[in-house]
Protein backbone atom coordinates (compact mmCIF):
# COMPACT_ATOMS: atom_id res chain seq x y z
CA UNK A 1 -11.70 -30.36 -10.79
CA UNK A 2 -8.92 -30.36 -13.08
CA UNK A 3 -10.61 -32.99 -15.24
CA UNK A 4 -14.04 -31.31 -15.20
CA UNK A 5 -12.27 -28.02 -16.10
CA UNK A 6 -10.62 -29.52 -18.86
CA UNK A 7 -13.46 -31.48 -20.20
CA UNK A 8 -15.03 -28.27 -20.49
CA UNK A 9 -12.08 -26.55 -22.44
CA UNK A 10 -12.55 -29.26 -25.04
CA UNK A 11 -15.64 -28.74 -25.42
CA UNK A 12 -15.57 -25.18 -25.21
CA UNK A 13 -13.21 -25.51 -28.09
CA UNK A 14 -15.25 -28.13 -30.29
CA UNK A 15 -17.52 -25.64 -30.31
CA UNK A 16 -15.37 -22.74 -31.12
CA UNK A 17 -14.23 -24.43 -34.26
CA UNK A 18 -17.77 -25.30 -35.23
CA UNK A 19 -18.72 -21.80 -35.04
CA UNK A 20 -15.64 -20.92 -36.98
CA UNK A 21 -16.69 -22.37 -39.62
CA UNK A 22 -20.03 -20.34 -40.36
CA UNK A 23 -18.33 -16.72 -39.65
CA UNK A 24 -16.08 -14.91 -41.34
CA UNK A 25 -14.50 -11.71 -39.99
CA UNK A 26 -11.11 -10.41 -38.80
CA UNK A 27 -9.25 -11.62 -35.57
CA UNK A 28 -8.60 -9.98 -33.08
CA UNK A 29 -4.51 -9.46 -31.53
CA UNK A 30 -4.23 -13.20 -33.48
CA UNK A 31 -0.61 -13.22 -32.08
CA UNK A 32 -2.13 -13.50 -28.55
CA UNK A 33 -3.92 -16.93 -29.09
CA UNK A 34 -1.05 -18.94 -28.81
CA UNK A 35 -0.13 -17.13 -25.57
CA UNK A 36 -3.30 -17.97 -24.61
CA UNK A 37 -3.57 -21.85 -25.27
CA UNK A 38 0.06 -21.90 -23.12
CA UNK A 39 -1.54 -20.26 -20.67
CA UNK A 40 -4.36 -22.60 -20.48
CA UNK A 41 -2.39 -25.92 -20.77
CA UNK A 42 -0.05 -24.38 -17.46
CA UNK A 43 -3.42 -24.06 -16.12
CA UNK A 44 -3.50 -28.10 -15.91
CA UNK A 45 0.21 -28.40 -15.22
CA UNK A 46 1.48 -26.00 -12.44
CA UNK A 47 -0.60 -25.91 -9.86
CA UNK A 48 -0.76 -29.94 -9.62
CA UNK A 49 3.06 -29.74 -9.82
CA UNK A 50 3.29 -26.85 -6.88
CA UNK A 51 1.21 -28.23 -4.40
CA UNK A 52 3.22 -32.19 -5.31
CA UNK A 53 5.95 -29.85 -4.35
CA UNK A 54 5.45 -27.85 -1.79
CA UNK A 55 2.60 -30.26 0.24
CA UNK A 56 0.89 -27.18 0.89
CA UNK A 57 -2.83 -27.71 1.45
CA UNK A 58 -5.85 -25.47 0.32
CA UNK A 59 -7.46 -22.98 2.87
CA UNK A 60 -11.62 -22.96 2.78
CA UNK A 61 -11.34 -24.79 -0.50
CA UNK A 62 -14.97 -24.61 -0.59
CA UNK A 63 -14.56 -20.92 -1.38
CA UNK A 64 -12.41 -21.70 -3.95
CA UNK A 65 -14.40 -24.25 -5.89
CA UNK A 66 -17.92 -22.30 -5.34
CA UNK A 67 -15.92 -19.37 -6.81
CA UNK A 68 -14.94 -21.81 -9.81
CA UNK A 69 -18.08 -23.12 -10.21
CA UNK A 70 -19.34 -19.73 -10.36
CA UNK A 71 -17.44 -18.65 -13.22
CA UNK A 72 -18.19 -21.67 -15.20
CA UNK A 73 -21.83 -20.69 -14.89
CA UNK A 74 -20.88 -17.15 -16.28
CA UNK A 75 -18.40 -18.63 -18.82
CA UNK A 76 -21.12 -21.08 -20.12
CA UNK A 77 -23.79 -17.93 -19.85
CA UNK A 78 -22.15 -15.50 -21.74
CA UNK A 79 -21.23 -18.69 -24.69
CA UNK A 80 -24.98 -19.09 -24.69
CA UNK A 81 -26.14 -15.20 -25.06
CA UNK A 82 -23.29 -15.01 -27.95
CA UNK A 83 -24.57 -18.25 -29.47
CA UNK A 84 -22.95 -18.93 -32.72
CA UNK A 85 -20.82 -15.71 -32.71
CA UNK A 86 -19.04 -16.94 -30.31
CA UNK A 87 -15.40 -18.34 -29.99
CA UNK A 88 -11.76 -18.77 -28.89
CA UNK A 89 -9.54 -16.90 -31.51
CA UNK A 90 -12.13 -13.77 -31.24
CA UNK A 91 -13.13 -13.46 -34.65
CA UNK A 92 -15.38 -10.75 -35.12
CA UNK A 93 -17.91 -11.66 -38.03
CA UNK A 94 -18.73 -9.51 -40.37
CA UNK A 95 -22.48 -9.06 -39.95
CA UNK A 96 -22.22 -9.42 -35.89
CA UNK A 97 -25.26 -7.76 -34.51
CA UNK A 98 -24.64 -6.02 -31.20
CA UNK A 99 -25.28 -8.91 -28.38
CA UNK A 100 -26.74 -7.26 -25.24
CA UNK A 101 -28.79 -10.68 -23.87
CA UNK A 102 -27.73 -12.28 -20.55
CA UNK A 103 -24.56 -11.34 -18.70
CA UNK A 104 -23.64 -8.52 -21.45
CA UNK A 105 -26.63 -6.48 -20.01
CA UNK A 106 -24.18 -5.88 -17.06
CA UNK A 107 -20.99 -5.66 -18.76
CA UNK A 108 -18.92 -5.98 -22.02
CA UNK A 109 -16.63 -9.21 -21.54
CA UNK A 110 -18.22 -11.75 -18.75
CA UNK A 111 -16.89 -14.43 -20.81
CA UNK A 112 -12.94 -12.85 -19.97
CA UNK A 113 -14.00 -11.91 -16.45
CA UNK A 114 -15.03 -15.79 -15.98
CA UNK A 115 -11.47 -16.33 -17.23
CA UNK A 116 -9.84 -14.66 -15.04
CA UNK A 117 -12.11 -16.01 -12.41
CA UNK A 118 -11.14 -19.55 -13.12
CA UNK A 119 -7.32 -18.40 -13.23
CA UNK A 120 -7.01 -17.58 -9.58
CA UNK A 121 -10.10 -19.84 -8.50
CA UNK A 122 -8.57 -23.43 -9.80
CA UNK A 123 -5.19 -23.15 -8.91
CA UNK A 124 -6.48 -22.17 -5.54
CA UNK A 125 -9.22 -24.65 -4.06
CA UNK A 126 -5.83 -26.67 -4.16
CA UNK A 127 -3.76 -24.51 -2.60
CA UNK A 128 -1.31 -23.18 -5.39
CA UNK A 129 -0.99 -19.71 -4.47
CA UNK A 130 1.61 -18.67 -6.80
CA UNK A 131 0.38 -20.45 -9.67
CA UNK A 132 -2.79 -18.68 -9.08
CA UNK A 133 -0.39 -15.12 -8.63
CA UNK A 134 1.46 -16.16 -11.97
CA UNK A 135 -1.33 -17.30 -13.97
CA UNK A 136 -3.37 -13.97 -13.08
CA UNK A 137 -1.13 -12.29 -14.02
CA UNK A 138 0.20 -13.70 -17.17
CA UNK A 139 -3.39 -14.17 -18.13
CA UNK A 140 -3.68 -10.41 -17.43
CA UNK A 141 -0.87 -9.54 -19.77
CA UNK A 142 -1.99 -11.81 -22.72
CA UNK A 143 -5.77 -10.85 -21.98
CA UNK A 144 -4.77 -6.76 -21.95
CA UNK A 145 -3.80 -6.39 -25.55
CA UNK A 146 -6.78 -8.89 -26.60
CA UNK A 147 -9.47 -6.97 -25.47
CA UNK A 148 -7.85 -3.63 -26.82
CA UNK A 149 -7.93 -4.65 -30.64
CA UNK A 150 -11.19 -6.88 -29.92
CA UNK A 151 -12.90 -3.67 -28.40
CA UNK A 152 -11.13 -1.37 -31.62
CA UNK A 153 -12.76 -4.57 -34.42
CA UNK A 154 -16.13 -4.46 -31.97
CA UNK A 155 -16.58 -0.12 -32.95
CA UNK A 156 -16.82 -1.02 -36.70
CA UNK A 157 -19.71 -3.29 -35.69
CA UNK A 158 -23.03 -0.98 -36.53
CA UNK A 159 -24.50 -0.09 -33.05
CA UNK A 160 -21.81 -1.59 -30.43
CA UNK A 161 -21.29 1.56 -29.42
CA UNK A 162 -24.41 2.76 -28.89
CA UNK A 163 -25.70 -0.63 -26.97
CA UNK A 164 -22.68 -0.81 -24.89
CA UNK A 165 -21.66 2.81 -24.32
CA UNK A 166 -21.07 3.28 -20.87
CA UNK A 167 -20.82 -0.12 -19.79
CA UNK A 168 -17.92 -1.38 -17.71
CA UNK A 169 -15.66 -4.49 -19.20
CA UNK A 170 -15.77 -6.46 -16.33
CA UNK A 171 -17.34 -5.09 -13.15
CA UNK A 172 -20.25 -3.10 -13.23
CA UNK A 173 -20.53 0.24 -12.34
CA UNK A 174 -16.34 -0.06 -12.10
CA UNK A 175 -14.08 1.19 -15.18
């Protein structure tokens, strides 16, 4: 699972770099990017280390693997819906047109929801409960200012506020 998730991340980085070369615009909370990179690297280091040191086995691994698969599917659905506008550095293209298809029909930030689910499910699938908790909390601390900054930039995009008025950030019907 770590290997497959790692390959997915590398594939996403390559896609993001291609997309970033095609667009120009402001970046949302650029200081958060190195922290996000560190957290994503830690996702591949801390859980296996915790499992090796604790000897703990996963409880209900099929549940966590299923959640991880659902998160990966949501992530790719989100990326695909945004097309060439998607990138990991949260560059908001100057000519962005609001995307309201795919998972964006339901929530404003499905990709961040997918990341949050992965931060929890991947460590849990291996029995690394402490890593799941720590990684999830760190991810939330980094995503909070990034999402706020990204939403400020998106609010300046013509039609964005109208397209997403009343739509939840992560879970339909909540917040």
